[in-house]
Amino acid sequence: MPILLVKAKPNARVSALTQQDDGTWLAQLKSPPVDGKANAELIGLVAKQFGCAKSSVGIRTGAGSKLKRVAIPD
């Protein structure tokens, strides 16, 4: 499973997932970082971007921080 390095920015105006020049991903999330809402939105964005099921996307590390490692299926 490939691992993405994602920097999350909660409380953004729009939801977007963009790849940065250094190979990391920037996730702009409308949801606030409370009760896992931003993490759930992030999983949905990653699943949509890579065309896979939400259940197959997992946050490996950083669930409580802005910098996260997210696993996606091959």
PDB file of N, CA and C in Angstrom:
ATOM      1  N   MET A   1       0.834  -1.193   0.000  1.00  0.00           N
ATOM      2  CA  MET A   1       0.000   0.000   0.000  1.00  0.00           C
ATOM      3  C   MET A   1       0.873   1.248   0.000  1.00  0.00           C
ATOM      4  N   PRO A   2       0.663   2.115  -0.984  1.00  0.00           N
ATOM      5  CA  PRO A   2       1.412   3.379  -0.996  1.00  0.00           C
ATOM      6  C   PRO A   2       0.976   4.285   0.165  1.00  0.00           C
ATOM      7  N   ILE A   3       1.919   5.060   0.667  1.00  0.00           N
ATOM      8  CA  ILE A   3       1.652   5.987   1.764  1.00  0.00           C
ATOM      9  C   ILE A   3       1.792   7.421   1.253  1.00  0.00           C
ATOM     10  N   LEU A   4       0.774   8.233   1.490  1.00  0.00           N
ATOM     11  CA  LEU A   4       0.816   9.647   1.112  1.00  0.00           C
ATOM     12  C   LEU A   4       1.129  10.478   2.342  1.00  0.00           C
ATOM     13  N   LEU A   5       1.945  11.506   2.176  1.00  0.00           N
ATOM     14  CA  LEU A   5       2.197  12.462   3.248  1.00  0.00           C
ATOM     15  C   LEU A   5       1.265  13.638   2.996  1.00  0.00           C
ATOM     16  N   VAL A   6       0.326  13.865   3.905  1.00  0.00           N
ATOM     17  CA  VAL A   6      -0.728  14.854   3.711  1.00  0.00           C
ATOM     18  C   VAL A   6      -0.670  15.910   4.813  1.00  0.00           C
ATOM     19  N   LYS A   7      -0.720  17.183   4.408  1.00  0.00           N
ATOM     20  CA  LYS A   7      -0.835  18.273   5.374  1.00  0.00           C
ATOM     21  C   LYS A   7      -2.288  18.749   5.336  1.00  0.00           C
ATOM     22  N   ALA A   8      -2.963  18.646   6.464  1.00  0.00           N
ATOM     23  CA  ALA A   8      -4.380  19.000   6.546  1.00  0.00           C
ATOM     24  C   ALA A   8      -4.548  20.447   7.000  1.00  0.00           C
ATOM     25  N   LYS A   9      -5.456  21.156   6.342  1.00  0.00           N
ATOM     26  CA  LYS A   9      -5.818  22.517   6.742  1.00  0.00           C
ATOM     27  C   LYS A   9      -7.324  22.546   6.972  1.00  0.00           C
ATOM     28  N   PRO A  10      -7.751  22.347   8.220  1.00  0.00           N
ATOM     29  CA  PRO A  10      -9.192  22.356   8.514  1.00  0.00           C
ATOM     30  C   PRO A  10      -9.774  23.767   8.452  1.00  0.00           C
ATOM     31  N   ASN A  11     -11.088  23.844   8.449  1.00  0.00           N
ATOM     32  CA  ASN A  11     -11.836  25.115   8.413  1.00  0.00           C
ATOM     33  C   ASN A  11     -11.540  25.949   7.176  1.00  0.00           C
ATOM     34  N   ALA A  12     -11.283  25.285   6.040  1.00  0.00           N
ATOM     35  CA  ALA A  12     -11.044  26.000   4.795  1.00  0.00           C
ATOM     36  C   ALA A  12     -12.371  26.347   4.129  1.00  0.00           C
ATOM     37  N   ARG A  13     -12.321  27.250   3.172  1.00  0.00           N
ATOM     38  CA  ARG A  13     -13.556  27.629   2.458  1.00  0.00           C
ATOM     39  C   ARG A  13     -14.046  26.535   1.538  1.00  0.00           C
ATOM     40  N   VAL A  14     -13.101  25.834   0.908  1.00  0.00           N
ATOM     41  CA  VAL A  14     -13.463  24.768  -0.042  1.00  0.00           C
ATOM     42  C   VAL A  14     -12.727  23.490   0.329  1.00  0.00           C
ATOM     43  N   SER A  15     -13.282  22.366  -0.091  1.00  0.00           N
ATOM     44  CA  SER A  15     -12.610  21.084   0.097  1.00  0.00           C
ATOM     45  C   SER A  15     -11.799  20.795  -1.152  1.00  0.00           C
ATOM     46  N   ALA A  16     -10.505  20.546  -0.982  1.00  0.00           N
ATOM     47  CA  ALA A  16      -9.645  20.254  -2.126  1.00  0.00           C
ATOM     48  C   ALA A  16      -8.444  19.441  -1.683  1.00  0.00           C
ATOM     49  N   LEU A  17      -7.952  18.606  -2.603  1.00  0.00           N
ATOM     50  CA  LEU A  17      -6.750  17.819  -2.361  1.00  0.00           C
ATOM     51  C   LEU A  17      -5.810  18.078  -3.527  1.00  0.00           C
ATOM     52  N   THR A  18      -4.670  18.704  -3.259  1.00  0.00           N
ATOM     53  CA  THR A  18      -3.734  19.057  -4.331  1.00  0.00           C
ATOM     54  C   THR A  18      -2.344  18.561  -3.986  1.00  0.00           C
ATOM     55  N   GLN A  19      -1.621  18.129  -5.041  1.00  0.00           N
ATOM     56  CA  GLN A  19      -0.249  17.673  -4.836  1.00  0.00           C
ATOM     57  C   GLN A  19       0.697  18.865  -4.902  1.00  0.00           C
ATOM     58  N   GLN A  20       1.627  18.925  -3.965  1.00  0.00           N
ATOM     59  CA  GLN A  20       2.593  20.012  -3.895  1.00  0.00           C
ATOM     60  C   GLN A  20       3.835  19.660  -4.708  1.00  0.00           C
ATOM     61  N   ASP A  21       4.691  20.636  -4.935  1.00  0.00           N
ATOM     62  CA  ASP A  21       5.904  20.427  -5.724  1.00  0.00           C
ATOM     63  C   ASP A  21       6.860  19.423  -5.088  1.00  0.00           C
ATOM     64  N   ASP A  22       6.849  19.347  -3.747  1.00  0.00           N
ATOM     65  CA  ASP A  22       7.771  18.439  -3.060  1.00  0.00           C
ATOM     66  C   ASP A  22       7.230  17.010  -2.943  1.00  0.00           C
ATOM     67  N   GLY A  23       6.076  16.731  -3.556  1.00  0.00           N
ATOM     68  CA  GLY A  23       5.517  15.378  -3.551  1.00  0.00           C
ATOM     69  C   GLY A  23       4.514  15.125  -2.448  1.00  0.00           C
ATOM     70  N   THR A  24       4.388  16.043  -1.493  1.00  0.00           N
ATOM     71  CA  THR A  24       3.378  15.886  -0.449  1.00  0.00           C
ATOM     72  C   THR A  24       2.033  16.368  -0.991  1.00  0.00           C
ATOM     73  N   TRP A  25       0.986  16.141  -0.216  1.00  0.00           N
ATOM     74  CA  TRP A  25      -0.357  16.562  -0.610  1.00  0.00           C
ATOM     75  C   TRP A  25      -0.886  17.572   0.392  1.00  0.00           C
ATOM     76  N   LEU A  26      -1.639  18.557  -0.092  1.00  0.00           N
ATOM     77  CA  LEU A  26      -2.284  19.548   0.760  1.00  0.00           C
ATOM     78  C   LEU A  26      -3.788  19.292   0.711  1.00  0.00           C
ATOM     79  N   ALA A  27      -4.370  19.029   1.872  1.00  0.00           N
ATOM     80  CA  ALA A  27      -5.814  18.782   1.964  1.00  0.00           C
ATOM     81  C   ALA A  27      -6.465  19.975   2.640  1.00  0.00           C
ATOM     82  N   GLN A  28      -7.279  20.694   1.883  1.00  0.00           N
ATOM     83  CA  GLN A  28      -8.058  21.791   2.451  1.00  0.00           C
ATOM     84  C   GLN A  28      -9.427  21.213   2.792  1.00  0.00           C
ATOM     85  N   LEU A  29      -9.778  21.283   4.068  1.00  0.00           N
ATOM     86  CA  LEU A  29     -10.981  20.631   4.564  1.00  0.00           C
ATOM     87  C   LEU A  29     -11.942  21.652   5.148  1.00  0.00           C
ATOM     88  N   LYS A  30     -13.212  21.567   4.753  1.00  0.00           N
ATOM     89  CA  LYS A  30     -14.233  22.470   5.295  1.00  0.00           C
ATOM     90  C   LYS A  30     -14.524  22.169   6.755  1.00  0.00           C
ATOM     91  N   SER A  31     -14.399  20.917   7.138  1.00  0.00           N
ATOM     92  CA  SER A  31     -14.770  20.481   8.485  1.00  0.00           C
ATOM     93  C   SER A  31     -13.805  20.996   9.550  1.00  0.00           C
ATOM     94  N   PRO A  32     -14.323  21.239  10.755  1.00  0.00           N
ATOM     95  CA  PRO A  32     -13.444  21.604  11.876  1.00  0.00           C
ATOM     96  C   PRO A  32     -12.752  20.355  12.428  1.00  0.00           C
ATOM     97  N   PRO A  33     -11.610  20.533  13.080  1.00  0.00           N
ATOM     98  CA  PRO A  33     -10.887  19.365  13.609  1.00  0.00           C
ATOM     99  C   PRO A  33     -11.437  18.883  14.948  1.00  0.00           C
ATOM    100  N   VAL A  34     -12.734  18.603  15.006  1.00  0.00           N
ATOM    101  CA  VAL A  34     -13.352  18.089  16.230  1.00  0.00           C
ATOM    102  C   VAL A  34     -14.103  16.794  15.935  1.00  0.00           C
ATOM    103  N   ASP A  35     -14.047  15.865  16.875  1.00  0.00           N
ATOM    104  CA  ASP A  35     -14.759  14.584  16.780  1.00  0.00           C
ATOM    105  C   ASP A  35     -14.446  13.807  15.507  1.00  0.00           C
ATOM    106  N   GLY A  36     -13.254  13.990  14.950  1.00  0.00           N
ATOM    107  CA  GLY A  36     -12.853  13.232  13.765  1.00  0.00           C
ATOM    108  C   GLY A  36     -13.522  13.667  12.471  1.00  0.00           C
ATOM    109  N   LYS A  37     -14.212  14.811  12.480  1.00  0.00           N
ATOM    110  CA  LYS A  37     -14.912  15.261  11.271  1.00  0.00           C
ATOM    111  C   LYS A  37     -13.940  15.572  10.142  1.00  0.00           C
ATOM    112  N   ALA A  38     -12.839  16.254  10.450  1.00  0.00           N
ATOM    113  CA  ALA A  38     -11.863  16.597   9.409  1.00  0.00           C
ATOM    114  C   ALA A  38     -11.195  15.340   8.871  1.00  0.00           C
ATOM    115  N   ASN A  39     -10.889  14.371   9.726  1.00  0.00           N
ATOM    116  CA  ASN A  39     -10.286  13.121   9.270  1.00  0.00           C
ATOM    117  C   ASN A  39     -11.236  12.351   8.361  1.00  0.00           C
ATOM    118  N   ALA A  40     -12.518  12.338   8.696  1.00  0.00           N
ATOM    119  CA  ALA A  40     -13.503  11.656   7.853  1.00  0.00           C
ATOM    120  C   ALA A  40     -13.597  12.330   6.490  1.00  0.00           C
ATOM    121  N   GLU A  41     -13.573  13.658   6.478  1.00  0.00           N
ATOM    122  CA  GLU A  41     -13.618  14.377   5.204  1.00  0.00           C
ATOM    123  C   GLU A  41     -12.355  14.103   4.391  1.00  0.00           C
ATOM    124  N   LEU A  42     -11.208  14.044   5.066  1.00  0.00           N
ATOM    125  CA  LEU A  42      -9.945  13.748   4.389  1.00  0.00           C
ATOM    126  C   LEU A  42      -9.988  12.377   3.728  1.00  0.00           C
ATOM    127  N   ILE A  43     -10.496  11.380   4.433  1.00  0.00           N
ATOM    128  CA  ILE A  43     -10.605  10.027   3.868  1.00  0.00           C
ATOM    129  C   ILE A  43     -11.494  10.036   2.631  1.00  0.00           C
ATOM    130  N   GLY A  44     -12.599  10.785   2.678  1.00  0.00           N
ATOM    131  CA  GLY A  44     -13.483  10.899   1.521  1.00  0.00           C
ATOM    132  C   GLY A  44     -12.805  11.566   0.337  1.00  0.00           C
ATOM    133  N   LEU A  45     -12.036  12.620   0.596  1.00  0.00           N
ATOM    134  CA  LEU A  45     -11.319  13.315  -0.476  1.00  0.00           C
ATOM    135  C   LEU A  45     -10.275  12.413  -1.133  1.00  0.00           C
ATOM    136  N   VAL A  46      -9.513  11.701  -0.314  1.00  0.00           N
ATOM    137  CA  VAL A  46      -8.470  10.810  -0.838  1.00  0.00           C
ATOM    138  C   VAL A  46      -9.106   9.684  -1.658  1.00  0.00           C
ATOM    139  N   ALA A  47     -10.195   9.110  -1.155  1.00  0.00           N
ATOM    140  CA  ALA A  47     -10.882   8.033  -1.876  1.00  0.00           C
ATOM    141  C   ALA A  47     -11.397   8.523  -3.226  1.00  0.00           C
ATOM    142  N   LYS A  48     -11.941   9.722  -3.265  1.00  0.00           N
ATOM    143  CA  LYS A  48     -12.457  10.283  -4.515  1.00  0.00           C
ATOM    144  C   LYS A  48     -11.311  10.564  -5.489  1.00  0.00           C
ATOM    145  N   GLN A  49     -10.208  11.121  -4.982  1.00  0.00           N
ATOM    146  CA  GLN A  49      -9.058  11.469  -5.825  1.00  0.00           C
ATOM    147  C   GLN A  49      -8.457  10.235  -6.497  1.00  0.00           C
ATOM    148  N   PHE A  50      -8.353   9.134  -5.742  1.00  0.00           N
ATOM    149  CA  PHE A  50      -7.686   7.941  -6.256  1.00  0.00           C
ATOM    150  C   PHE A  50      -8.658   6.857  -6.713  1.00  0.00           C
ATOM    151  N   GLY A  51      -9.944   7.140  -6.681  1.00  0.00           N
ATOM    152  CA  GLY A  51     -10.946   6.210  -7.200  1.00  0.00           C
ATOM    153  C   GLY A  51     -11.021   4.898  -6.439  1.00  0.00           C
ATOM    154  N   CYS A  52     -11.011   4.961  -5.125  1.00  0.00           N
ATOM    155  CA  CYS A  52     -11.109   3.750  -4.319  1.00  0.00           C
ATOM    156  C   CYS A  52     -12.179   3.946  -3.244  1.00  0.00           C
ATOM    157  N   ALA A  53     -12.482   2.874  -2.536  1.00  0.00           N
ATOM    158  CA  ALA A  53     -13.512   2.933  -1.490  1.00  0.00           C
ATOM    159  C   ALA A  53     -12.968   3.636  -0.250  1.00  0.00           C
ATOM    160  N   LYS A  54     -13.850   4.353   0.442  1.00  0.00           N
ATOM    161  CA  LYS A  54     -13.449   5.028   1.677  1.00  0.00           C
ATOM    162  C   LYS A  54     -12.918   4.036   2.703  1.00  0.00           C
ATOM    163  N   SER A  55     -13.490   2.839   2.714  1.00  0.00           N
ATOM    164  CA  SER A  55     -13.090   1.833   3.695  1.00  0.00           C
ATOM    165  C   SER A  55     -11.675   1.317   3.463  1.00  0.00           C
ATOM    166  N   SER A  56     -11.135   1.507   2.245  1.00  0.00           N
ATOM    167  CA  SER A  56      -9.783   1.020   1.949  1.00  0.00           C
ATOM    168  C   SER A  56      -8.711   2.082   2.211  1.00  0.00           C
ATOM    169  N   VAL A  57      -9.131   3.305   2.564  1.00  0.00           N
ATOM    170  CA  VAL A  57      -8.194   4.388   2.886  1.00  0.00           C
ATOM    171  C   VAL A  57      -8.056   4.466   4.400  1.00  0.00           C
ATOM    172  N   GLY A  58      -6.821   4.570   4.881  1.00  0.00           N
ATOM    173  CA  GLY A  58      -6.620   4.624   6.326  1.00  0.00           C
ATOM    174  C   GLY A  58      -5.553   5.632   6.719  1.00  0.00           C
ATOM    175  N   ILE A  59      -5.786   6.312   7.828  1.00  0.00           N
ATOM    176  CA  ILE A  59      -4.785   7.227   8.368  1.00  0.00           C
ATOM    177  C   ILE A  59      -3.861   6.407   9.250  1.00  0.00           C
ATOM    178  N   ARG A  60      -2.619   6.237   8.817  1.00  0.00           N
ATOM    179  CA  ARG A  60      -1.651   5.414   9.547  1.00  0.00           C
ATOM    180  C   ARG A  60      -1.101   6.146  10.769  1.00  0.00           C
ATOM    181  N   THR A  61      -0.647   7.397  10.572  1.00  0.00           N
ATOM    182  CA  THR A  61      -0.125   8.182  11.693  1.00  0.00           C
ATOM    183  C   THR A  61      -0.630   9.606  11.561  1.00  0.00           C
ATOM    184  N   GLY A  62      -0.689  10.313  12.666  1.00  0.00           N
ATOM    185  CA  GLY A  62      -1.046  11.721  12.648  1.00  0.00           C
ATOM    186  C   GLY A  62      -2.517  12.026  12.703  1.00  0.00           C
ATOM    187  N   ALA A  63      -3.331  11.129  13.221  1.00  0.00           N
ATOM    188  CA  ALA A  63      -4.770  11.370  13.286  1.00  0.00           C
ATOM    189  C   ALA A  63      -5.095  12.628  14.089  1.00  0.00           C
ATOM    190  N   GLY A  64      -4.235  12.971  15.059  1.00  0.00           N
ATOM    191  CA  GLY A  64      -4.481  14.148  15.880  1.00  0.00           C
ATOM    192  C   GLY A  64      -3.625  15.346  15.518  1.00  0.00           C
ATOM    193  N   SER A  65      -2.902  15.280  14.390  1.00  0.00           N
ATOM    194  CA  SER A  65      -2.052  16.402  14.005  1.00  0.00           C
ATOM    195  C   SER A  65      -2.342  16.826  12.572  1.00  0.00           C
ATOM    196  N   LYS A  66      -1.723  17.911  12.138  1.00  0.00           N
ATOM    197  CA  LYS A  66      -1.960  18.403  10.781  1.00  0.00           C
ATOM    198  C   LYS A  66      -1.209  17.592   9.740  1.00  0.00           C
ATOM    199  N   LEU A  67      -0.065  17.009  10.115  1.00  0.00           N
ATOM    200  CA  LEU A  67       0.716  16.201   9.188  1.00  0.00           C
ATOM    201  C   LEU A  67       0.346  14.735   9.374  1.00  0.00           C
ATOM    202  N   LYS A  68      -0.143  14.116   8.310  1.00  0.00           N
ATOM    203  CA  LYS A  68      -0.657  12.753   8.405  1.00  0.00           C
ATOM    204  C   LYS A  68      -0.021  11.857   7.361  1.00  0.00           C
ATOM    205  N   ARG A  69       0.056  10.584   7.655  1.00  0.00           N
ATOM    206  CA  ARG A  69       0.457   9.574   6.667  1.00  0.00           C
ATOM    207  C   ARG A  69      -0.795   8.754   6.368  1.00  0.00           C
ATOM    208  N   VAL A  70      -1.203   8.777   5.102  1.00  0.00           N
ATOM    209  CA  VAL A  70      -2.447   8.132   4.688  1.00  0.00           C
ATOM    210  C   VAL A  70      -2.124   6.993   3.720  1.00  0.00           C
ATOM    211  N   ALA A  71      -2.637   5.808   4.014  1.00  0.00           N
ATOM    212  CA  ALA A  71      -2.413   4.640   3.168  1.00  0.00           C
ATOM    213  C   ALA A  71      -3.567   4.506   2.181  1.00  0.00           C
ATOM    214  N   ILE A  72      -3.211   4.246   0.917  1.00  0.00           N
ATOM    215  CA  ILE A  72      -4.219   4.008  -0.124  1.00  0.00           C
ATOM    216  C   ILE A  72      -3.935   2.636  -0.764  1.00  0.00           C
ATOM    217  N   PRO A  73      -4.940   2.002  -1.335  1.00  0.00           N
ATOM    218  CA  PRO A  73      -4.709   0.692  -1.972  1.00  0.00           C
ATOM    219  C   PRO A  73      -3.934   0.836  -3.277  1.00  0.00           C
ATOM    220  N   ASP A  74      -3.262  -0.241  -3.678  1.00  0.00           N
ATOM    221  CA  ASP A  74      -2.497  -0.240  -4.934  1.00  0.00           C
ATOM    222  C   ASP A  74      -3.394  -0.135  -6.137  1.00  0.00           C
TER     223      ASP A  74
END
